[in-house]
N, C-alpha and C. Protein backbone atom coordinates (compact mmCIF):
# COMPACT_ATOMS: atom_id res chain seq x y z
N UNK A 1 -1.69 -20.50 2.75
CA UNK A 1 -3.12 -20.47 2.50
C UNK A 1 -3.69 -21.87 2.64
N UNK A 2 -4.91 -21.91 2.94
CA UNK A 2 -5.63 -23.17 2.98
C UNK A 2 -6.74 -23.11 1.94
N UNK A 3 -7.33 -24.26 1.66
CA UNK A 3 -8.42 -24.33 0.72
C UNK A 3 -9.50 -23.33 1.11
N UNK A 4 -9.96 -22.58 0.15
CA UNK A 4 -11.00 -21.56 0.31
C UNK A 4 -10.52 -20.29 1.02
N UNK A 5 -9.19 -20.12 1.18
CA UNK A 5 -8.67 -18.88 1.74
C UNK A 5 -8.85 -17.75 0.73
N UNK A 6 -9.05 -16.57 1.23
CA UNK A 6 -9.13 -15.41 0.36
C UNK A 6 -7.73 -14.81 0.25
N UNK A 7 -7.30 -14.54 -0.96
CA UNK A 7 -5.99 -13.94 -1.19
C UNK A 7 -6.13 -12.75 -2.13
N UNK A 8 -5.16 -11.85 -2.06
CA UNK A 8 -5.11 -10.71 -2.98
C UNK A 8 -3.86 -10.86 -3.82
N UNK A 9 -3.99 -10.65 -5.11
CA UNK A 9 -2.86 -10.74 -6.02
C UNK A 9 -2.66 -9.42 -6.73
N UNK A 10 -1.40 -9.13 -7.02
CA UNK A 10 -1.09 -7.95 -7.79
C UNK A 10 0.03 -8.31 -8.73
N UNK A 11 -0.12 -8.00 -9.98
CA UNK A 11 0.88 -8.31 -10.99
C UNK A 11 1.35 -7.02 -11.63
N UNK A 12 2.67 -6.82 -11.61
CA UNK A 12 3.25 -5.65 -12.27
C UNK A 12 2.90 -4.33 -11.61
N UNK A 13 3.40 -3.27 -12.18
CA UNK A 13 3.11 -1.93 -11.69
C UNK A 13 3.92 -1.55 -10.46
N UNK A 14 3.56 -0.43 -9.88
CA UNK A 14 4.22 0.05 -8.66
C UNK A 14 3.56 -0.63 -7.46
N UNK A 15 4.37 -1.25 -6.63
CA UNK A 15 3.82 -1.87 -5.43
C UNK A 15 4.86 -1.84 -4.34
N UNK A 16 4.38 -1.94 -3.11
CA UNK A 16 5.25 -1.86 -1.94
C UNK A 16 4.56 -2.53 -0.77
N UNK A 17 5.33 -2.75 0.29
CA UNK A 17 4.78 -3.29 1.53
C UNK A 17 5.23 -2.36 2.64
N UNK A 18 4.30 -1.67 3.24
CA UNK A 18 4.63 -0.68 4.26
C UNK A 18 3.65 -0.80 5.43
N UNK A 19 3.82 -1.86 6.24
CA UNK A 19 2.91 -2.00 7.38
C UNK A 19 3.13 -0.89 8.40
N UNK A 20 2.07 -0.49 9.01
CA UNK A 20 2.14 0.57 10.02
C UNK A 20 2.00 -0.04 11.41
N UNK A 21 2.59 0.60 12.43
CA UNK A 21 2.41 0.10 13.79
C UNK A 21 0.92 0.00 14.10
N UNK A 22 0.53 -1.09 14.69
CA UNK A 22 -0.87 -1.29 15.03
C UNK A 22 -1.67 -2.03 13.97
N UNK A 23 -1.14 -2.14 12.73
CA UNK A 23 -1.82 -2.92 11.70
C UNK A 23 -1.86 -4.39 12.13
N UNK A 24 -2.88 -5.10 11.69
CA UNK A 24 -2.92 -6.54 11.93
C UNK A 24 -1.80 -7.21 11.13
N UNK A 25 -1.20 -8.26 11.69
CA UNK A 25 -0.14 -8.94 10.94
C UNK A 25 -0.71 -9.63 9.70
N UNK A 26 0.09 -9.62 8.64
CA UNK A 26 -0.29 -10.33 7.42
C UNK A 26 0.83 -11.29 7.04
N UNK A 27 0.46 -12.39 6.45
CA UNK A 27 1.43 -13.32 5.91
C UNK A 27 1.54 -13.05 4.42
N UNK A 28 2.76 -12.80 3.95
CA UNK A 28 2.98 -12.49 2.55
C UNK A 28 3.46 -13.71 1.78
N UNK A 29 2.97 -13.86 0.57
CA UNK A 29 3.49 -14.83 -0.38
C UNK A 29 3.94 -14.00 -1.57
N UNK A 30 5.25 -14.01 -1.82
CA UNK A 30 5.84 -13.25 -2.91
C UNK A 30 6.27 -14.22 -4.00
N UNK A 31 5.90 -13.93 -5.25
CA UNK A 31 6.21 -14.82 -6.36
C UNK A 31 6.98 -14.04 -7.40
N UNK A 32 8.18 -14.55 -7.74
CA UNK A 32 9.04 -13.84 -8.69
C UNK A 32 9.63 -14.79 -9.71
N UNK A 33 9.89 -14.27 -10.88
CA UNK A 33 10.60 -15.02 -11.91
C UNK A 33 11.70 -14.14 -12.48
N UNK A 34 12.90 -14.70 -12.58
CA UNK A 34 14.02 -13.97 -13.17
C UNK A 34 14.31 -12.66 -12.48
N UNK A 35 14.47 -11.59 -13.30
CA UNK A 35 14.80 -10.28 -12.74
C UNK A 35 13.62 -9.63 -12.03
N UNK A 36 12.44 -10.26 -12.09
CA UNK A 36 11.29 -9.77 -11.35
C UNK A 36 11.48 -9.83 -9.84
N UNK A 37 12.60 -10.40 -9.42
CA UNK A 37 12.91 -10.47 -7.99
C UNK A 37 13.26 -9.09 -7.41
N UNK A 38 13.70 -8.17 -8.23
CA UNK A 38 14.22 -6.89 -7.72
C UNK A 38 13.29 -6.19 -6.73
N UNK A 39 12.05 -5.86 -7.08
CA UNK A 39 11.22 -5.18 -6.09
C UNK A 39 10.86 -6.07 -4.90
N UNK A 40 10.74 -7.37 -5.14
CA UNK A 40 10.38 -8.27 -4.05
C UNK A 40 11.54 -8.46 -3.08
N UNK A 41 12.77 -8.40 -3.59
CA UNK A 41 13.92 -8.48 -2.71
C UNK A 41 13.96 -7.25 -1.80
N UNK A 42 13.60 -6.10 -2.33
CA UNK A 42 13.52 -4.89 -1.49
C UNK A 42 12.47 -5.05 -0.40
N UNK A 43 11.36 -5.66 -0.73
CA UNK A 43 10.32 -5.92 0.27
C UNK A 43 10.86 -6.87 1.34
N UNK A 44 11.58 -7.93 0.92
CA UNK A 44 12.17 -8.86 1.90
C UNK A 44 13.14 -8.14 2.83
N UNK A 45 13.96 -7.25 2.28
CA UNK A 45 14.90 -6.50 3.11
C UNK A 45 14.15 -5.62 4.12
N UNK A 46 13.06 -5.02 3.67
CA UNK A 46 12.26 -4.18 4.57
C UNK A 46 11.66 -5.03 5.70
N UNK A 47 11.15 -6.20 5.34
CA UNK A 47 10.60 -7.11 6.35
C UNK A 47 11.68 -7.53 7.34
N UNK A 48 12.87 -7.84 6.83
CA UNK A 48 13.98 -8.22 7.72
C UNK A 48 14.33 -7.06 8.65
N UNK A 49 14.36 -5.84 8.12
CA UNK A 49 14.64 -4.68 8.97
C UNK A 49 13.60 -4.56 10.08
N UNK A 50 12.32 -4.72 9.72
CA UNK A 50 11.26 -4.63 10.73
C UNK A 50 11.37 -5.74 11.76
N UNK A 51 11.68 -6.96 11.31
CA UNK A 51 11.87 -8.07 12.26
C UNK A 51 13.05 -7.79 13.17
N UNK A 52 14.15 -7.30 12.61
CA UNK A 52 15.33 -6.98 13.41
C UNK A 52 15.05 -5.88 14.41
N UNK A 53 14.33 -4.86 13.97
CA UNK A 53 13.98 -3.76 14.85
C UNK A 53 13.03 -4.26 15.94
N UNK A 54 12.11 -5.10 15.54
CA UNK A 54 11.13 -5.64 16.50
C UNK A 54 11.84 -6.44 17.59
N UNK A 55 12.80 -7.26 17.20
CA UNK A 55 13.52 -8.08 18.17
C UNK A 55 14.44 -7.23 19.04
N UNK A 56 15.03 -6.20 18.45
CA UNK A 56 15.99 -5.39 19.17
C UNK A 56 15.37 -4.34 20.08
N UNK A 57 14.25 -3.75 19.68
CA UNK A 57 13.72 -2.62 20.43
C UNK A 57 12.26 -2.75 20.81
N UNK A 58 11.63 -3.82 20.40
CA UNK A 58 10.22 -4.00 20.77
C UNK A 58 9.30 -3.00 20.14
N UNK A 59 9.38 -2.81 18.82
CA UNK A 59 8.48 -1.84 18.19
C UNK A 59 7.05 -2.37 18.16
N UNK A 60 6.15 -1.57 17.66
CA UNK A 60 4.73 -1.92 17.68
C UNK A 60 4.27 -2.63 16.41
N UNK A 61 5.17 -2.90 15.47
CA UNK A 61 4.78 -3.62 14.27
C UNK A 61 4.48 -5.07 14.61
N UNK A 62 3.36 -5.55 14.13
CA UNK A 62 3.01 -6.96 14.28
C UNK A 62 3.22 -7.59 12.91
N UNK A 63 4.23 -8.42 12.80
CA UNK A 63 4.58 -8.98 11.50
C UNK A 63 4.20 -10.45 11.40
N UNK A 64 3.70 -10.82 10.23
CA UNK A 64 3.45 -12.22 9.94
C UNK A 64 4.69 -12.81 9.29
N UNK A 65 4.48 -13.81 8.48
CA UNK A 65 5.59 -14.46 7.79
C UNK A 65 5.66 -13.98 6.35
N UNK A 66 6.82 -14.20 5.75
CA UNK A 66 7.01 -13.90 4.32
C UNK A 66 7.58 -15.14 3.66
N UNK A 67 6.92 -15.60 2.61
CA UNK A 67 7.38 -16.76 1.86
C UNK A 67 7.58 -16.33 0.42
N UNK A 68 8.80 -16.55 -0.07
CA UNK A 68 9.15 -16.19 -1.44
C UNK A 68 9.22 -17.44 -2.30
N UNK A 69 8.55 -17.41 -3.43
CA UNK A 69 8.68 -18.43 -4.47
C UNK A 69 9.38 -17.75 -5.63
N UNK A 70 10.55 -18.27 -5.99
CA UNK A 70 11.39 -17.59 -6.97
C UNK A 70 11.88 -18.59 -8.01
N UNK A 71 11.62 -18.32 -9.28
CA UNK A 71 11.95 -19.23 -10.35
C UNK A 71 12.91 -18.59 -11.35
N UNK A 72 13.81 -19.42 -11.88
CA UNK A 72 14.72 -19.00 -12.94
C UNK A 72 15.10 -20.25 -13.73
N UNK A 73 15.78 -20.06 -14.85
CA UNK A 73 16.20 -21.20 -15.67
C UNK A 73 17.20 -22.07 -14.93
N UNK A 74 18.20 -21.44 -14.29
CA UNK A 74 19.24 -22.17 -13.56
C UNK A 74 19.52 -21.47 -12.24
N UNK A 75 20.20 -22.15 -11.35
CA UNK A 75 20.53 -21.53 -10.06
C UNK A 75 21.47 -20.33 -10.25
N UNK A 76 22.26 -20.33 -11.30
CA UNK A 76 23.15 -19.19 -11.53
C UNK A 76 22.35 -17.94 -11.89
N UNK A 77 21.13 -18.11 -12.35
CA UNK A 77 20.28 -16.96 -12.69
C UNK A 77 19.39 -16.51 -11.54
N UNK A 78 19.48 -17.17 -10.40
CA UNK A 78 18.73 -16.74 -9.22
C UNK A 78 19.48 -15.59 -8.57
N UNK A 79 19.03 -14.37 -8.83
CA UNK A 79 19.68 -13.19 -8.27
C UNK A 79 19.46 -13.13 -6.75
N UNK A 80 20.43 -12.61 -6.05
CA UNK A 80 20.35 -12.39 -4.59
C UNK A 80 20.19 -13.68 -3.78
N UNK A 81 20.48 -14.84 -4.37
CA UNK A 81 20.22 -16.10 -3.66
C UNK A 81 20.98 -16.20 -2.35
N UNK A 82 22.24 -15.75 -2.31
CA UNK A 82 23.00 -15.82 -1.05
C UNK A 82 22.42 -14.87 -0.02
N UNK A 83 21.98 -13.71 -0.46
CA UNK A 83 21.34 -12.76 0.46
C UNK A 83 20.03 -13.32 1.01
N UNK A 84 19.26 -13.97 0.14
CA UNK A 84 17.99 -14.55 0.56
C UNK A 84 18.22 -15.68 1.56
N UNK A 85 19.22 -16.52 1.29
CA UNK A 85 19.55 -17.58 2.24
C UNK A 85 19.97 -16.99 3.58
N UNK A 86 20.70 -15.88 3.55
CA UNK A 86 21.11 -15.20 4.78
C UNK A 86 19.92 -14.68 5.57
N UNK A 87 18.93 -14.14 4.86
CA UNK A 87 17.72 -13.66 5.54
C UNK A 87 16.95 -14.82 6.17
N UNK A 88 16.90 -15.94 5.46
CA UNK A 88 16.20 -17.11 6.02
C UNK A 88 16.92 -17.61 7.26
N UNK A 89 18.23 -17.58 7.24
CA UNK A 89 19.02 -18.03 8.39
C UNK A 89 18.87 -17.07 9.56
N UNK A 90 18.82 -15.76 9.27
CA UNK A 90 18.71 -14.75 10.33
C UNK A 90 17.32 -14.72 10.97
N UNK A 91 16.29 -15.07 10.17
CA UNK A 91 14.92 -15.00 10.66
C UNK A 91 14.20 -16.31 10.35
N UNK A 92 14.63 -17.41 10.99
CA UNK A 92 14.04 -18.72 10.68
C UNK A 92 12.55 -18.76 11.00
N UNK A 93 11.81 -19.31 10.06
CA UNK A 93 10.37 -19.41 10.23
C UNK A 93 9.61 -18.14 9.92
N UNK A 94 10.31 -17.02 9.85
CA UNK A 94 9.67 -15.75 9.55
C UNK A 94 9.83 -15.39 8.08
N UNK A 95 11.00 -15.71 7.52
CA UNK A 95 11.27 -15.49 6.10
C UNK A 95 11.71 -16.83 5.52
N UNK A 96 10.98 -17.33 4.53
CA UNK A 96 11.33 -18.59 3.89
C UNK A 96 11.29 -18.42 2.38
N UNK A 97 11.95 -19.34 1.69
CA UNK A 97 12.01 -19.26 0.24
C UNK A 97 12.06 -20.64 -0.38
N UNK A 98 11.38 -20.77 -1.50
CA UNK A 98 11.49 -21.96 -2.35
C UNK A 98 11.96 -21.48 -3.72
N UNK A 99 13.11 -21.96 -4.13
CA UNK A 99 13.63 -21.66 -5.46
C UNK A 99 13.15 -22.74 -6.41
N UNK A 100 12.88 -22.38 -7.64
CA UNK A 100 12.49 -23.36 -8.66
C UNK A 100 13.32 -23.10 -9.91
N UNK A 101 13.97 -24.12 -10.40
CA UNK A 101 14.75 -23.98 -11.63
C UNK A 101 14.10 -24.85 -12.71
N UNK A 102 14.11 -24.35 -13.93
CA UNK A 102 13.39 -25.01 -15.01
C UNK A 102 14.29 -25.71 -16.02
N UNK A 103 15.57 -25.31 -16.12
CA UNK A 103 16.42 -25.88 -17.16
C UNK A 103 17.81 -26.26 -16.67
N UNK A 104 17.96 -26.51 -15.40
CA UNK A 104 19.27 -26.85 -14.83
C UNK A 104 19.62 -28.29 -15.16
N UNK A 105 20.79 -28.48 -15.76
CA UNK A 105 21.27 -29.83 -16.06
C UNK A 105 22.37 -30.24 -15.09
N UNK A 106 23.11 -29.28 -14.57
CA UNK A 106 24.22 -29.58 -13.66
C UNK A 106 23.72 -29.75 -12.23
N UNK A 107 24.61 -30.28 -11.39
CA UNK A 107 24.31 -30.51 -9.98
C UNK A 107 24.04 -29.18 -9.27
N UNK A 108 23.10 -29.18 -8.36
CA UNK A 108 22.78 -27.99 -7.56
C UNK A 108 23.64 -28.02 -6.31
N UNK A 109 24.24 -26.89 -5.96
CA UNK A 109 25.14 -26.84 -4.80
C UNK A 109 24.38 -27.23 -3.53
N UNK A 110 25.13 -27.80 -2.57
CA UNK A 110 24.52 -28.32 -1.34
C UNK A 110 23.78 -27.25 -0.55
N UNK A 111 24.28 -26.03 -0.56
CA UNK A 111 23.66 -24.95 0.19
C UNK A 111 22.23 -24.67 -0.31
N UNK A 112 22.04 -24.79 -1.62
CA UNK A 112 20.72 -24.51 -2.21
C UNK A 112 19.80 -25.72 -2.28
N UNK A 113 20.36 -26.93 -2.28
CA UNK A 113 19.57 -28.14 -2.50
C UNK A 113 18.29 -28.23 -1.68
N UNK A 114 18.33 -27.91 -0.37
CA UNK A 114 17.08 -28.06 0.40
C UNK A 114 15.98 -27.10 -0.02
N UNK A 115 16.33 -26.06 -0.77
CA UNK A 115 15.37 -25.01 -1.10
C UNK A 115 14.99 -25.00 -2.57
N UNK A 116 15.52 -25.94 -3.38
CA UNK A 116 15.30 -25.92 -4.83
C UNK A 116 14.41 -27.07 -5.26
N UNK A 117 13.46 -26.74 -6.14
CA UNK A 117 12.66 -27.76 -6.80
C UNK A 117 12.86 -27.58 -8.30
N UNK A 118 12.40 -28.51 -9.06
CA UNK A 118 12.52 -28.44 -10.52
C UNK A 118 13.54 -29.41 -11.02
N UNK A 119 14.04 -29.14 -12.22
CA UNK A 119 14.98 -30.05 -12.88
C UNK A 119 16.35 -29.97 -12.27
């Protein structure tokens, strides 16, 4: 987003991302904390499936980017982190993630370091 961009937010409840062929592409910003990653991880998997299908068969879905902001107390509490890193590697520039840890005292592993902010 840029200054003065219009955004839509949704907190809690039932939500999903189901773009239809021919829809205009949208850029998603997903924000999760702790176990709140569960539904958003499903959305990321769906986006990855659509990107994979798009690259493999040329479907009519026009996809934007997906950026996940995910926070937990420590990196050990970041659920699905290896899967998320795999999605970022498989779809560079299309799926990205910034992890934020709030109470980590120990060293952060090298694989996560470029993607982690916080303590």
